[in-house]
Amino acid sequence: MIQFALLAAVVLAGAAGDVSVTRAMKTVGEISDFRPAALISAGLRAAASGFLWMGIFWKTVAFFSFITLITHAALSWVVPATAISFVIETVAAKYLLQERISGTRWAGALCICLGVALLSF
């Protein structure tokens, strides 16, 4: 049971972190000038975003949950099982970030779900 709770923490915290960092970087905008001063400016704009710090927090939670999980379960189960995060992130991108998701991506997400389901047998 602890394995599934830790897996949920890894997956949900990781997805929350990715969505939060994406939201922060979308407010910063595209980085097209790679001169040091421009990169520092972009970094400072990113650091001013609460979403970036929230993303760092959630990715930290996901990391520590992951290292705890691999002490309780086989790595050959953990790594493929965490692939379900791709599905959660696709749904979050659609509904939280208002991204357009193609049918091919939805089909890929379905294939991941089927693969993760096979792991549970």
PDB file of N, CA and C in Angstrom:
ATOM      1  N   MET A   1       0.811  -1.195   0.000  1.00  0.00           N
ATOM      2  CA  MET A   1       0.000   0.000   0.000  1.00  0.00           C
ATOM      3  C   MET A   1       0.856   1.262   0.000  1.00  0.00           C
ATOM      4  N   ILE A   2       1.943   1.232   0.771  1.00  0.00           N
ATOM      5  CA  ILE A   2       2.847   2.384   0.822  1.00  0.00           C
ATOM      6  C   ILE A   2       3.440   2.649  -0.558  1.00  0.00           C
ATOM      7  N   GLN A   3       3.628   1.576  -1.329  1.00  0.00           N
ATOM      8  CA  GLN A   3       4.193   1.753  -2.672  1.00  0.00           C
ATOM      9  C   GLN A   3       3.271   2.577  -3.556  1.00  0.00           C
ATOM     10  N   PHE A   4       1.974   2.324  -3.485  1.00  0.00           N
ATOM     11  CA  PHE A   4       1.033   3.066  -4.324  1.00  0.00           C
ATOM     12  C   PHE A   4       0.877   4.501  -3.847  1.00  0.00           C
ATOM     13  N   ALA A   5       0.954   4.725  -2.544  1.00  0.00           N
ATOM     14  CA  ALA A   5       0.893   6.091  -2.016  1.00  0.00           C
ATOM     15  C   ALA A   5       2.115   6.883  -2.464  1.00  0.00           C
ATOM     16  N   LEU A   6       3.284   6.252  -2.391  1.00  0.00           N
ATOM     17  CA  LEU A   6       4.502   6.928  -2.840  1.00  0.00           C
ATOM     18  C   LEU A   6       4.493   7.147  -4.349  1.00  0.00           C
ATOM     19  N   LEU A   7       3.971   6.168  -5.094  1.00  0.00           N
ATOM     20  CA  LEU A   7       3.867   6.325  -6.538  1.00  0.00           C
ATOM     21  C   LEU A   7       2.958   7.507  -6.871  1.00  0.00           C
ATOM     22  N   ALA A   8       1.838   7.612  -6.176  1.00  0.00           N
ATOM     23  CA  ALA A   8       0.929   8.739  -6.394  1.00  0.00           C
ATOM     24  C   ALA A   8       1.623  10.061  -6.082  1.00  0.00           C
ATOM     25  N   ALA A   9       2.411  10.087  -5.011  1.00  0.00           N
ATOM     26  CA  ALA A   9       3.139  11.310  -4.662  1.00  0.00           C
ATOM     27  C   ALA A   9       4.143  11.678  -5.745  1.00  0.00           C
ATOM     28  N   VAL A  10       4.881  10.690  -6.245  1.00  0.00           N
ATOM     29  CA  VAL A  10       5.861  10.944  -7.306  1.00  0.00           C
ATOM     30  C   VAL A  10       5.164  11.506  -8.539  1.00  0.00           C
ATOM     31  N   VAL A  11       4.114  10.845  -8.953  1.00  0.00           N
ATOM     32  CA  VAL A  11       3.429  11.207 -10.189  1.00  0.00           C
ATOM     33  C   VAL A  11       2.735  12.567 -10.063  1.00  0.00           C
ATOM     34  N   LEU A  12       1.962  12.761  -9.008  1.00  0.00           N
ATOM     35  CA  LEU A  12       1.204  14.002  -8.868  1.00  0.00           C
ATOM     36  C   LEU A  12       2.100  15.202  -8.581  1.00  0.00           C
ATOM     37  N   ALA A  13       3.088  15.017  -7.710  1.00  0.00           N
ATOM     38  CA  ALA A  13       3.997  16.129  -7.417  1.00  0.00           C
ATOM     39  C   ALA A  13       4.853  16.466  -8.636  1.00  0.00           C
ATOM     40  N   GLY A  14       5.295  15.450  -9.357  1.00  0.00           N
ATOM     41  CA  GLY A  14       6.082  15.701 -10.566  1.00  0.00           C
ATOM     42  C   GLY A  14       5.284  16.444 -11.618  1.00  0.00           C
ATOM     43  N   ALA A  15       4.048  16.036 -11.805  1.00  0.00           N
ATOM     44  CA  ALA A  15       3.191  16.708 -12.786  1.00  0.00           C
ATOM     45  C   ALA A  15       2.900  18.146 -12.352  1.00  0.00           C
ATOM     46  N   ALA A  16       2.621  18.339 -11.066  1.00  0.00           N
ATOM     47  CA  ALA A  16       2.369  19.688 -10.562  1.00  0.00           C
ATOM     48  C   ALA A  16       3.597  20.573 -10.751  1.00  0.00           C
ATOM     49  N   GLY A  17       4.766  19.999 -10.531  1.00  0.00           N
ATOM     50  CA  GLY A  17       6.001  20.755 -10.733  1.00  0.00           C
ATOM     51  C   GLY A  17       6.210  21.145 -12.187  1.00  0.00           C
ATOM     52  N   ASP A  18       5.983  20.209 -13.099  1.00  0.00           N
ATOM     53  CA  ASP A  18       6.156  20.505 -14.517  1.00  0.00           C
ATOM     54  C   ASP A  18       5.171  21.569 -14.995  1.00  0.00           C
ATOM     55  N   VAL A  19       3.917  21.457 -14.569  1.00  0.00           N
ATOM     56  CA  VAL A  19       2.899  22.433 -14.969  1.00  0.00           C
ATOM     57  C   VAL A  19       3.233  23.811 -14.396  1.00  0.00           C
ATOM     58  N   SER A  20       3.675  23.847 -13.152  1.00  0.00           N
ATOM     59  CA  SER A  20       4.013  25.126 -12.519  1.00  0.00           C
ATOM     60  C   SER A  20       5.196  25.801 -13.202  1.00  0.00           C
ATOM     61  N   VAL A  21       6.242  25.045 -13.494  1.00  0.00           N
ATOM     62  CA  VAL A  21       7.410  25.619 -14.166  1.00  0.00           C
ATOM     63  C   VAL A  21       7.040  26.086 -15.578  1.00  0.00           C
ATOM     64  N   THR A  22       6.214  25.295 -16.261  1.00  0.00           N
ATOM     65  CA  THR A  22       5.770  25.699 -17.603  1.00  0.00           C
ATOM     66  C   THR A  22       5.007  27.013 -17.538  1.00  0.00           C
ATOM     67  N   ARG A  23       4.119  27.118 -16.571  1.00  0.00           N
ATOM     68  CA  ARG A  23       3.336  28.364 -16.422  1.00  0.00           C
ATOM     69  C   ARG A  23       4.253  29.550 -16.155  1.00  0.00           C
ATOM     70  N   ALA A  24       5.259  29.347 -15.311  1.00  0.00           N
ATOM     71  CA  ALA A  24       6.205  30.427 -15.014  1.00  0.00           C
ATOM     72  C   ALA A  24       6.966  30.846 -16.268  1.00  0.00           C
ATOM     73  N   MET A  25       7.431  29.873 -17.027  1.00  0.00           N
ATOM     74  CA  MET A  25       8.252  30.198 -18.192  1.00  0.00           C
ATOM     75  C   MET A  25       7.417  30.801 -19.319  1.00  0.00           C
ATOM     76  N   LYS A  26       6.136  30.481 -19.370  1.00  0.00           N
ATOM     77  CA  LYS A  26       5.279  31.119 -20.376  1.00  0.00           C
ATOM     78  C   LYS A  26       5.088  32.595 -20.062  1.00  0.00           C
ATOM     79  N   THR A  27       5.155  32.963 -18.796  1.00  0.00           N
ATOM     80  CA  THR A  27       5.066  34.386 -18.454  1.00  0.00           C
ATOM     81  C   THR A  27       6.371  35.105 -18.770  1.00  0.00           C
ATOM     82  N   VAL A  28       7.484  34.392 -18.694  1.00  0.00           N
ATOM     83  CA  VAL A  28       8.780  34.984 -19.036  1.00  0.00           C
ATOM     84  C   VAL A  28       8.862  35.219 -20.542  1.00  0.00           C
ATOM     85  N   GLY A  29       8.341  34.272 -21.299  1.00  0.00           N
ATOM     86  CA  GLY A  29       8.378  34.385 -22.754  1.00  0.00           C
ATOM     87  C   GLY A  29       9.558  33.637 -23.346  1.00  0.00           C
ATOM     88  N   GLU A  30       9.555  33.598 -24.668  1.00  0.00           N
ATOM     89  CA  GLU A  30      10.607  32.877 -25.386  1.00  0.00           C
ATOM     90  C   GLU A  30      11.960  33.553 -25.180  1.00  0.00           C
ATOM     91  N   ILE A  31      12.963  32.740 -24.959  1.00  0.00           N
ATOM     92  CA  ILE A  31      14.320  33.261 -24.810  1.00  0.00           C
ATOM     93  C   ILE A  31      15.007  33.102 -26.158  1.00  0.00           C
ATOM     94  N   SER A  32      15.249  34.217 -26.807  1.00  0.00           N
ATOM     95  CA  SER A  32      15.881  34.184 -28.126  1.00  0.00           C
ATOM     96  C   SER A  32      17.213  34.915 -28.144  1.00  0.00           C
ATOM     97  N   ASP A  33      17.505  35.639 -27.083  1.00  0.00           N
ATOM     98  CA  ASP A  33      18.773  36.369 -26.970  1.00  0.00           C
ATOM     99  C   ASP A  33      19.612  35.658 -25.915  1.00  0.00           C
ATOM    100  N   PHE A  34      20.749  35.127 -26.345  1.00  0.00           N
ATOM    101  CA  PHE A  34      21.568  34.315 -25.445  1.00  0.00           C
ATOM    102  C   PHE A  34      22.806  35.038 -24.934  1.00  0.00           C
ATOM    103  N   ARG A  35      22.794  36.347 -25.030  1.00  0.00           N
ATOM    104  CA  ARG A  35      23.886  37.112 -24.421  1.00  0.00           C
ATOM    105  C   ARG A  35      23.736  37.038 -22.911  1.00  0.00           C
ATOM    106  N   PRO A  36      24.839  37.074 -22.179  1.00  0.00           N
ATOM    107  CA  PRO A  36      24.761  36.929 -20.717  1.00  0.00           C
ATOM    108  C   PRO A  36      23.775  37.887 -20.040  1.00  0.00           C
ATOM    109  N   ALA A  37      23.760  39.144 -20.427  1.00  0.00           N
ATOM    110  CA  ALA A  37      22.859  40.107 -19.788  1.00  0.00           C
ATOM    111  C   ALA A  37      21.396  39.731 -20.042  1.00  0.00           C
ATOM    112  N   ALA A  38      21.079  39.273 -21.248  1.00  0.00           N
ATOM    113  CA  ALA A  38      19.709  38.887 -21.578  1.00  0.00           C
ATOM    114  C   ALA A  38      19.314  37.627 -20.820  1.00  0.00           C
ATOM    115  N   LEU A  39      20.231  36.686 -20.669  1.00  0.00           N
ATOM    116  CA  LEU A  39      19.940  35.465 -19.912  1.00  0.00           C
ATOM    117  C   LEU A  39      19.724  35.769 -18.436  1.00  0.00           C
ATOM    118  N   ILE A  40      20.515  36.666 -17.897  1.00  0.00           N
ATOM    119  CA  ILE A  40      20.353  37.057 -16.493  1.00  0.00           C
ATOM    120  C   ILE A  40      18.998  37.739 -16.307  1.00  0.00           C
ATOM    121  N   SER A  41      18.630  38.590 -17.246  1.00  0.00           N
ATOM    122  CA  SER A  41      17.338  39.264 -17.172  1.00  0.00           C
ATOM    123  C   SER A  41      16.182  38.256 -17.203  1.00  0.00           C
ATOM    124  N   ALA A  42      16.278  37.294 -18.102  1.00  0.00           N
ATOM    125  CA  ALA A  42      15.242  36.261 -18.183  1.00  0.00           C
ATOM    126  C   ALA A  42      15.210  35.437 -16.899  1.00  0.00           C
ATOM    127  N   GLY A  43      16.374  35.125 -16.355  1.00  0.00           N
ATOM    128  CA  GLY A  43      16.452  34.371 -15.099  1.00  0.00           C
ATOM    129  C   GLY A  43      15.826  35.129 -13.944  1.00  0.00           C
ATOM    130  N   LEU A  44      16.062  36.432 -13.898  1.00  0.00           N
ATOM    131  CA  LEU A  44      15.461  37.246 -12.832  1.00  0.00           C
ATOM    132  C   LEU A  44      13.946  37.337 -12.981  1.00  0.00           C
ATOM    133  N   ARG A  45      13.462  37.437 -14.231  1.00  0.00           N
ATOM    134  CA  ARG A  45      12.009  37.447 -14.448  1.00  0.00           C
ATOM    135  C   ARG A  45      11.400  36.119 -14.017  1.00  0.00           C
ATOM    136  N   ALA A  46      12.099  35.020 -14.331  1.00  0.00           N
ATOM    137  CA  ALA A  46      11.596  33.702 -13.918  1.00  0.00           C
ATOM    138  C   ALA A  46      11.594  33.573 -12.400  1.00  0.00           C
ATOM    139  N   ALA A  47      12.673  34.052 -11.763  1.00  0.00           N
ATOM    140  CA  ALA A  47      12.790  33.940 -10.310  1.00  0.00           C
ATOM    141  C   ALA A  47      11.735  34.773  -9.590  1.00  0.00           C
ATOM    142  N   ALA A  48      11.194  35.779 -10.255  1.00  0.00           N
ATOM    143  CA  ALA A  48      10.159  36.615  -9.647  1.00  0.00           C
ATOM    144  C   ALA A  48       8.786  35.957  -9.695  1.00  0.00           C
ATOM    145  N   SER A  49       8.684  34.848 -10.421  1.00  0.00           N
ATOM    146  CA  SER A  49       7.400  34.169 -10.559  1.00  0.00           C
ATOM    147  C   SER A  49       7.181  33.179  -9.417  1.00  0.00           C
ATOM    148  N   GLY A  50       6.050  33.303  -8.772  1.00  0.00           N
ATOM    149  CA  GLY A  50       5.693  32.349  -7.720  1.00  0.00           C
ATOM    150  C   GLY A  50       5.506  30.947  -8.274  1.00  0.00           C
ATOM    151  N   PHE A  51       5.078  30.852  -9.543  1.00  0.00           N
ATOM    152  CA  PHE A  51       4.893  29.540 -10.160  1.00  0.00           C
ATOM    153  C   PHE A  51       6.217  28.785 -10.261  1.00  0.00           C
ATOM    154  N   LEU A  52       7.315  29.503 -10.509  1.00  0.00           N
ATOM    155  CA  LEU A  52       8.617  28.821 -10.586  1.00  0.00           C
ATOM    156  C   LEU A  52       8.961  28.197  -9.237  1.00  0.00           C
ATOM    157  N   TRP A  53       8.767  28.948  -8.173  1.00  0.00           N
ATOM    158  CA  TRP A  53       9.098  28.440  -6.837  1.00  0.00           C
ATOM    159  C   TRP A  53       8.168  27.304  -6.424  1.00  0.00           C
ATOM    160  N   MET A  54       6.912  27.403  -6.830  1.00  0.00           N
ATOM    161  CA  MET A  54       5.978  26.319  -6.568  1.00  0.00           C
ATOM    162  C   MET A  54       6.418  25.067  -7.340  1.00  0.00           C
ATOM    163  N   GLY A  55       6.854  25.261  -8.577  1.00  0.00           N
ATOM    164  CA  GLY A  55       7.346  24.138  -9.379  1.00  0.00           C
ATOM    165  C   GLY A  55       8.564  23.484  -8.757  1.00  0.00           C
ATOM    166  N   ILE A  56       9.482  24.296  -8.257  1.00  0.00           N
ATOM    167  CA  ILE A  56      10.677  23.755  -7.600  1.00  0.00           C
ATOM    168  C   ILE A  56      10.276  22.963  -6.356  1.00  0.00           C
ATOM    169  N   PHE A  57       9.339  23.494  -5.592  1.00  0.00           N
ATOM    170  CA  PHE A  57       8.859  22.776  -4.411  1.00  0.00           C
ATOM    171  C   PHE A  57       8.292  21.414  -4.800  1.00  0.00           C
ATOM    172  N   TRP A  58       7.378  21.384  -5.787  1.00  0.00           N
ATOM    173  CA  TRP A  58       6.731  20.130  -6.163  1.00  0.00           C
ATOM    174  C   TRP A  58       7.722  19.146  -6.773  1.00  0.00           C
ATOM    175  N   LYS A  59       8.692  19.630  -7.538  1.00  0.00           N
ATOM    176  CA  LYS A  59       9.692  18.717  -8.108  1.00  0.00           C
ATOM    177  C   LYS A  59      10.578  18.142  -6.998  1.00  0.00           C
ATOM    178  N   THR A  60      10.817  18.914  -5.950  1.00  0.00           N
ATOM    179  CA  THR A  60      11.580  18.419  -4.802  1.00  0.00           C
ATOM    180  C   THR A  60      10.796  17.329  -4.077  1.00  0.00           C
ATOM    181  N   VAL A  61       9.501  17.556  -3.891  1.00  0.00           N
ATOM    182  CA  VAL A  61       8.647  16.535  -3.273  1.00  0.00           C
ATOM    183  C   VAL A  61       8.669  15.266  -4.118  1.00  0.00           C
ATOM    184  N   ALA A  62       8.567  15.410  -5.434  1.00  0.00           N
ATOM    185  CA  ALA A  62       8.579  14.250  -6.333  1.00  0.00           C
ATOM    186  C   ALA A  62       9.906  13.498  -6.227  1.00  0.00           C
ATOM    187  N   PHE A  63      11.012  14.227  -6.169  1.00  0.00           N
ATOM    188  CA  PHE A  63      12.324  13.588  -6.084  1.00  0.00           C
ATOM    189  C   PHE A  63      12.462  12.766  -4.805  1.00  0.00           C
ATOM    190  N   PHE A  64      12.118  13.356  -3.670  1.00  0.00           N
ATOM    191  CA  PHE A  64      12.266  12.632  -2.409  1.00  0.00           C
ATOM    192  C   PHE A  64      11.262  11.482  -2.292  1.00  0.00           C
ATOM    193  N   SER A  65      10.096  11.655  -2.874  1.00  0.00           N
ATOM    194  CA  SER A  65       9.141  10.541  -2.918  1.00  0.00           C
ATOM    195  C   SER A  65       9.681   9.409  -3.781  1.00  0.00           C
ATOM    196  N   PHE A  66      10.327   9.770  -4.884  1.00  0.00           N
ATOM    197  CA  PHE A  66      10.899   8.762  -5.779  1.00  0.00           C
ATOM    198  C   PHE A  66      12.002   7.972  -5.083  1.00  0.00           C
ATOM    199  N   ILE A  67      12.918   8.670  -4.417  1.00  0.00           N
ATOM    200  CA  ILE A  67      14.010   7.921  -3.781  1.00  0.00           C
ATOM    201  C   ILE A  67      13.500   7.078  -2.621  1.00  0.00           C
ATOM    202  N   THR A  68      12.437   7.526  -1.970  1.00  0.00           N
ATOM    203  CA  THR A  68      11.823   6.694  -0.939  1.00  0.00           C
ATOM    204  C   THR A  68      11.140   5.484  -1.572  1.00  0.00           C
ATOM    205  N   LEU A  69      10.456   5.711  -2.688  1.00  0.00           N
ATOM    206  CA  LEU A  69       9.749   4.625  -3.372  1.00  0.00           C
ATOM    207  C   LEU A  69      10.704   3.525  -3.822  1.00  0.00           C
ATOM    208  N   ILE A  70      11.864   3.894  -4.334  1.00  0.00           N
ATOM    209  CA  ILE A  70      12.773   2.840  -4.815  1.00  0.00           C
ATOM    210  C   ILE A  70      13.420   2.053  -3.683  1.00  0.00           C
ATOM    211  N   THR A  71      13.254   2.517  -2.448  1.00  0.00           N
ATOM    212  CA  THR A  71      13.696   1.690  -1.324  1.00  0.00           C
ATOM    213  C   THR A  71      12.641   0.646  -0.955  1.00  0.00           C
ATOM    214  N   HIS A  72      11.404   0.853  -1.426  1.00  0.00           N
ATOM    215  CA  HIS A  72      10.300  -0.055  -1.104  1.00  0.00           C
ATOM    216  C   HIS A  72       9.887  -0.949  -2.265  1.00  0.00           C
ATOM    217  N   ALA A  73      10.277  -0.608  -3.471  1.00  0.00           N
ATOM    218  CA  ALA A  73       9.804  -1.361  -4.640  1.00  0.00           C
ATOM    219  C   ALA A  73      10.938  -1.526  -5.644  1.00  0.00           C
ATOM    220  N   ALA A  74      10.770  -2.483  -6.519  1.00  0.00           N
ATOM    221  CA  ALA A  74      11.780  -2.759  -7.543  1.00  0.00           C
ATOM    222  C   ALA A  74      11.817  -1.630  -8.568  1.00  0.00           C
ATOM    223  N   LEU A  75      12.994  -1.244  -8.946  1.00  0.00           N
ATOM    224  CA  LEU A  75      13.169  -0.193  -9.945  1.00  0.00           C
ATOM    225  C   LEU A  75      12.496  -0.562 -11.264  1.00  0.00           C
ATOM    226  N   SER A  76      12.493  -1.848 -11.582  1.00  0.00           N
ATOM    227  CA  SER A  76      11.867  -2.306 -12.826  1.00  0.00           C
ATOM    228  C   SER A  76      10.349  -2.107 -12.816  1.00  0.00           C
ATOM    229  N   TRP A  77       9.766  -1.893 -11.653  1.00  0.00           N
ATOM    230  CA  TRP A  77       8.350  -1.562 -11.546  1.00  0.00           C
ATOM    231  C   TRP A  77       8.159  -0.051 -11.423  1.00  0.00           C
ATOM    232  N   VAL A  78       9.016   0.591 -10.649  1.00  0.00           N
ATOM    233  CA  VAL A  78       8.859   2.015 -10.342  1.00  0.00           C
ATOM    234  C   VAL A  78       8.960   2.882 -11.594  1.00  0.00           C
ATOM    235  N   VAL A  79      10.011   2.705 -12.354  1.00  0.00           N
ATOM    236  CA  VAL A  79      10.232   3.597 -13.496  1.00  0.00           C
ATOM    237  C   VAL A  79       9.111   3.496 -14.529  1.00  0.00           C
ATOM    238  N   PRO A  80       8.732   2.299 -14.966  1.00  0.00           N
ATOM    239  CA  PRO A  80       7.607   2.260 -15.915  1.00  0.00           C
ATOM    240  C   PRO A  80       6.292   2.770 -15.309  1.00  0.00           C
ATOM    241  N   ALA A  81       6.059   2.507 -14.036  1.00  0.00           N
ATOM    242  CA  ALA A  81       4.806   2.944 -13.412  1.00  0.00           C
ATOM    243  C   ALA A  81       4.711   4.473 -13.349  1.00  0.00           C
ATOM    244  N   THR A  82       5.833   5.143 -13.199  1.00  0.00           N
ATOM    245  CA  THR A  82       5.809   6.605 -13.142  1.00  0.00           C
ATOM    246  C   THR A  82       5.503   7.224 -14.502  1.00  0.00           C
ATOM    247  N   ALA A  83       5.481   6.419 -15.548  1.00  0.00           N
ATOM    248  CA  ALA A  83       5.141   6.932 -16.876  1.00  0.00           C
ATOM    249  C   ALA A  83       3.708   7.446 -16.932  1.00  0.00           C
ATOM    250  N   ILE A  84       2.890   7.057 -15.985  1.00  0.00           N
ATOM    251  CA  ILE A  84       1.512   7.556 -15.953  1.00  0.00           C
ATOM    252  C   ILE A  84       1.491   9.070 -15.787  1.00  0.00           C
ATOM    253  N   SER A  85       2.600   9.637 -15.331  1.00  0.00           N
ATOM    254  CA  SER A  85       2.683  11.099 -15.202  1.00  0.00           C
ATOM    255  C   SER A  85       2.522  11.784 -16.555  1.00  0.00           C
ATOM    256  N   PHE A  86       2.916  11.118 -17.638  1.00  0.00           N
ATOM    257  CA  PHE A  86       2.739  11.710 -18.965  1.00  0.00           C
ATOM    258  C   PHE A  86       1.263  11.932 -19.269  1.00  0.00           C
ATOM    259  N   VAL A  87       0.439  11.015 -18.839  1.00  0.00           N
ATOM    260  CA  VAL A  87      -1.001  11.140 -19.062  1.00  0.00           C
ATOM    261  C   VAL A  87      -1.560  12.293 -18.229  1.00  0.00           C
ATOM    262  N   ILE A  88      -1.173  12.348 -16.975  1.00  0.00           N
ATOM    263  CA  ILE A  88      -1.647  13.407 -16.088  1.00  0.00           C
ATOM    264  C   ILE A  88      -1.185  14.766 -16.594  1.00  0.00           C
ATOM    265  N   GLU A  89       0.041  14.845 -17.082  1.00  0.00           N
ATOM    266  CA  GLU A  89       0.549  16.107 -17.602  1.00  0.00           C
ATOM    267  C   GLU A  89      -0.149  16.511 -18.896  1.00  0.00           C
ATOM    268  N   THR A  90      -0.530  15.544 -19.709  1.00  0.00           N
ATOM    269  CA  THR A  90      -1.270  15.853 -20.933  1.00  0.00           C
ATOM    270  C   THR A  90      -2.634  16.440 -20.590  1.00  0.00           C
ATOM    271  N   VAL A  91      -3.310  15.838 -19.624  1.00  0.00           N
ATOM    272  CA  VAL A  91      -4.615  16.357 -19.190  1.00  0.00           C
ATOM    273  C   VAL A  91      -4.444  17.745 -18.574  1.00  0.00           C
ATOM    274  N   ALA A  92      -3.424  17.923 -17.757  1.00  0.00           N
ATOM    275  CA  ALA A  92      -3.174  19.231 -17.134  1.00  0.00           C
ATOM    276  C   ALA A  92      -2.841  20.282 -18.190  1.00  0.00           C
ATOM    277  N   ALA A  93      -2.070  19.908 -19.194  1.00  0.00           N
ATOM    278  CA  ALA A  93      -1.743  20.855 -20.263  1.00  0.00           C
ATOM    279  C   ALA A  93      -3.004  21.302 -20.989  1.00  0.00           C
ATOM    280  N   LYS A  94      -3.912  20.379 -21.203  1.00  0.00           N
ATOM    281  CA  LYS A  94      -5.168  20.695 -21.892  1.00  0.00           C
ATOM    282  C   LYS A  94      -6.038  21.640 -21.064  1.00  0.00           C
ATOM    283  N   TYR A  95      -6.232  21.308 -19.789  1.00  0.00           N
ATOM    284  CA  TYR A  95      -7.214  22.031 -18.996  1.00  0.00           C
ATOM    285  C   TYR A  95      -6.640  23.176 -18.150  1.00  0.00           C
ATOM    286  N   LEU A  96      -5.390  23.078 -17.744  1.00  0.00           N
ATOM    287  CA  LEU A  96      -4.811  24.140 -16.921  1.00  0.00           C
ATOM    288  C   LEU A  96      -4.010  25.146 -17.737  1.00  0.00           C
ATOM    289  N   LEU A  97      -3.322  24.654 -18.763  1.00  0.00           N
ATOM    290  CA  LEU A  97      -2.500  25.543 -19.581  1.00  0.00           C
ATOM    291  C   LEU A  97      -3.170  25.908 -20.902  1.00  0.00           C
ATOM    292  N   GLN A  98      -4.355  25.345 -21.133  1.00  0.00           N
ATOM    293  CA  GLN A  98      -5.134  25.627 -22.342  1.00  0.00           C
ATOM    294  C   GLN A  98      -4.387  25.274 -23.627  1.00  0.00           C
ATOM    295  N   GLU A  99      -3.578  24.207 -23.583  1.00  0.00           N
ATOM    296  CA  GLU A  99      -2.864  23.762 -24.776  1.00  0.00           C
ATOM    297  C   GLU A  99      -3.790  22.922 -25.649  1.00  0.00           C
ATOM    298  N   ARG A 100      -3.529  22.939 -26.932  1.00  0.00           N
ATOM    299  CA  ARG A 100      -4.285  22.112 -27.875  1.00  0.00           C
ATOM    300  C   ARG A 100      -3.561  20.774 -27.988  1.00  0.00           C
ATOM    301  N   ILE A 101      -4.266  19.677 -27.724  1.00  0.00           N
ATOM    302  CA  ILE A 101      -3.675  18.345 -27.737  1.00  0.00           C
ATOM    303  C   ILE A 101      -4.235  17.594 -28.932  1.00  0.00           C
ATOM    304  N   SER A 102      -3.348  17.091 -29.772  1.00  0.00           N
ATOM    305  CA  SER A 102      -3.784  16.375 -30.976  1.00  0.00           C
ATOM    306  C   SER A 102      -4.279  14.972 -30.618  1.00  0.00           C
ATOM    307  N   GLY A 103      -5.012  14.392 -31.548  1.00  0.00           N
ATOM    308  CA  GLY A 103      -5.496  13.026 -31.370  1.00  0.00           C
ATOM    309  C   GLY A 103      -4.359  12.032 -31.223  1.00  0.00           C
ATOM    310  N   THR A 104      -3.253  12.286 -31.911  1.00  0.00           N
ATOM    311  CA  THR A 104      -2.083  11.405 -31.809  1.00  0.00           C
ATOM    312  C   THR A 104      -1.525  11.407 -30.387  1.00  0.00           C
ATOM    313  N   ARG A 105      -1.490  12.575 -29.768  1.00  0.00           N
ATOM    314  CA  ARG A 105      -1.001  12.644 -28.383  1.00  0.00           C
ATOM    315  C   ARG A 105      -1.943  11.934 -27.426  1.00  0.00           C
ATOM    316  N   TRP A 106      -3.255  12.085 -27.657  1.00  0.00           N
ATOM    317  CA  TRP A 106      -4.214  11.361 -26.804  1.00  0.00           C
ATOM    318  C   TRP A 106      -4.044   9.855 -26.984  1.00  0.00           C
ATOM    319  N   ALA A 107      -3.795   9.418 -28.215  1.00  0.00           N
ATOM    320  CA  ALA A 107      -3.575   7.989 -28.464  1.00  0.00           C
ATOM    321  C   ALA A 107      -2.316   7.514 -27.743  1.00  0.00           C
ATOM    322  N   GLY A 108      -1.279   8.337 -27.761  1.00  0.00           N
ATOM    323  CA  GLY A 108      -0.053   7.999 -27.039  1.00  0.00           C
ATOM    324  C   GLY A 108      -0.295   7.887 -25.543  1.00  0.00           C
ATOM    325  N   ALA A 109      -1.096   8.804 -25.009  1.00  0.00           N
ATOM    326  CA  ALA A 109      -1.436   8.754 -23.587  1.00  0.00           C
ATOM    327  C   ALA A 109      -2.199   7.481 -23.257  1.00  0.00           C
ATOM    328  N   LEU A 110      -3.104   7.077 -24.143  1.00  0.00           N
ATOM    329  CA  LEU A 110      -3.843   5.831 -23.943  1.00  0.00           C
ATOM    330  C   LEU A 110      -2.899   4.627 -23.949  1.00  0.00           C
ATOM    331  N   CYS A 111      -1.932   4.625 -24.857  1.00  0.00           N
ATOM    332  CA  CYS A 111      -0.947   3.527 -24.895  1.00  0.00           C
ATOM    333  C   CYS A 111      -0.150   3.459 -23.597  1.00  0.00           C
ATOM    334  N   ILE A 112       0.193   4.618 -23.042  1.00  0.00           N
ATOM    335  CA  ILE A 112       0.914   4.640 -21.768  1.00  0.00           C
ATOM    336  C   ILE A 112       0.042   4.043 -20.671  1.00  0.00           C
ATOM    337  N   CYS A 113      -1.237   4.414 -20.654  1.00  0.00           N
ATOM    338  CA  CYS A 113      -2.163   3.866 -19.653  1.00  0.00           C
ATOM    339  C   CYS A 113      -2.222   2.350 -19.747  1.00  0.00           C
ATOM    340  N   LEU A 114      -2.306   1.841 -20.966  1.00  0.00           N
ATOM    341  CA  LEU A 114      -2.358   0.391 -21.153  1.00  0.00           C
ATOM    342  C   LEU A 114      -1.063  -0.268 -20.689  1.00  0.00           C
ATOM    343  N   GLY A 115       0.062   0.349 -20.972  1.00  0.00           N
ATOM    344  CA  GLY A 115       1.344  -0.197 -20.551  1.00  0.00           C
ATOM    345  C   GLY A 115       1.479  -0.218 -19.033  1.00  0.00           C
ATOM    346  N   VAL A 116       1.063   0.858 -18.388  1.00  0.00           N
ATOM    347  CA  VAL A 116       1.119   0.905 -16.925  1.00  0.00           C
ATOM    348  C   VAL A 116       0.161  -0.131 -16.324  1.00  0.00           C
ATOM    349  N   ALA A 117      -1.003  -0.307 -16.956  1.00  0.00           N
ATOM    350  CA  ALA A 117      -1.959  -1.316 -16.474  1.00  0.00           C
ATOM    351  C   ALA A 117      -1.352  -2.715 -16.547  1.00  0.00           C
ATOM    352  N   LEU A 118      -0.582  -2.981 -17.594  1.00  0.00           N
ATOM    353  CA  LEU A 118       0.073  -4.294 -17.709  1.00  0.00           C
ATOM    354  C   LEU A 118       1.060  -4.548 -16.578  1.00  0.00           C
ATOM    355  N   LEU A 119       1.655  -3.485 -16.053  1.00  0.00           N
ATOM    356  CA  LEU A 119       2.610  -3.630 -14.940  1.00  0.00           C
ATOM    357  C   LEU A 119       1.937  -4.136 -13.670  1.00  0.00           C
ATOM    358  N   SER A 120       0.652  -3.869 -13.552  1.00  0.00           N
ATOM    359  CA  SER A 120      -0.022  -4.219 -12.297  1.00  0.00           C
ATOM    360  C   SER A 120      -0.377  -5.698 -12.214  1.00  0.00           C
ATOM    361  N   PHE A 121      -0.172  -6.441 -13.286  1.00  0.00           N
ATOM    362  CA  PHE A 121      -0.491  -7.884 -13.253  1.00  0.00           C
ATOM    363  C   PHE A 121       0.666  -8.694 -12.760  1.00  0.00           C
TER     364      PHE A 121
END
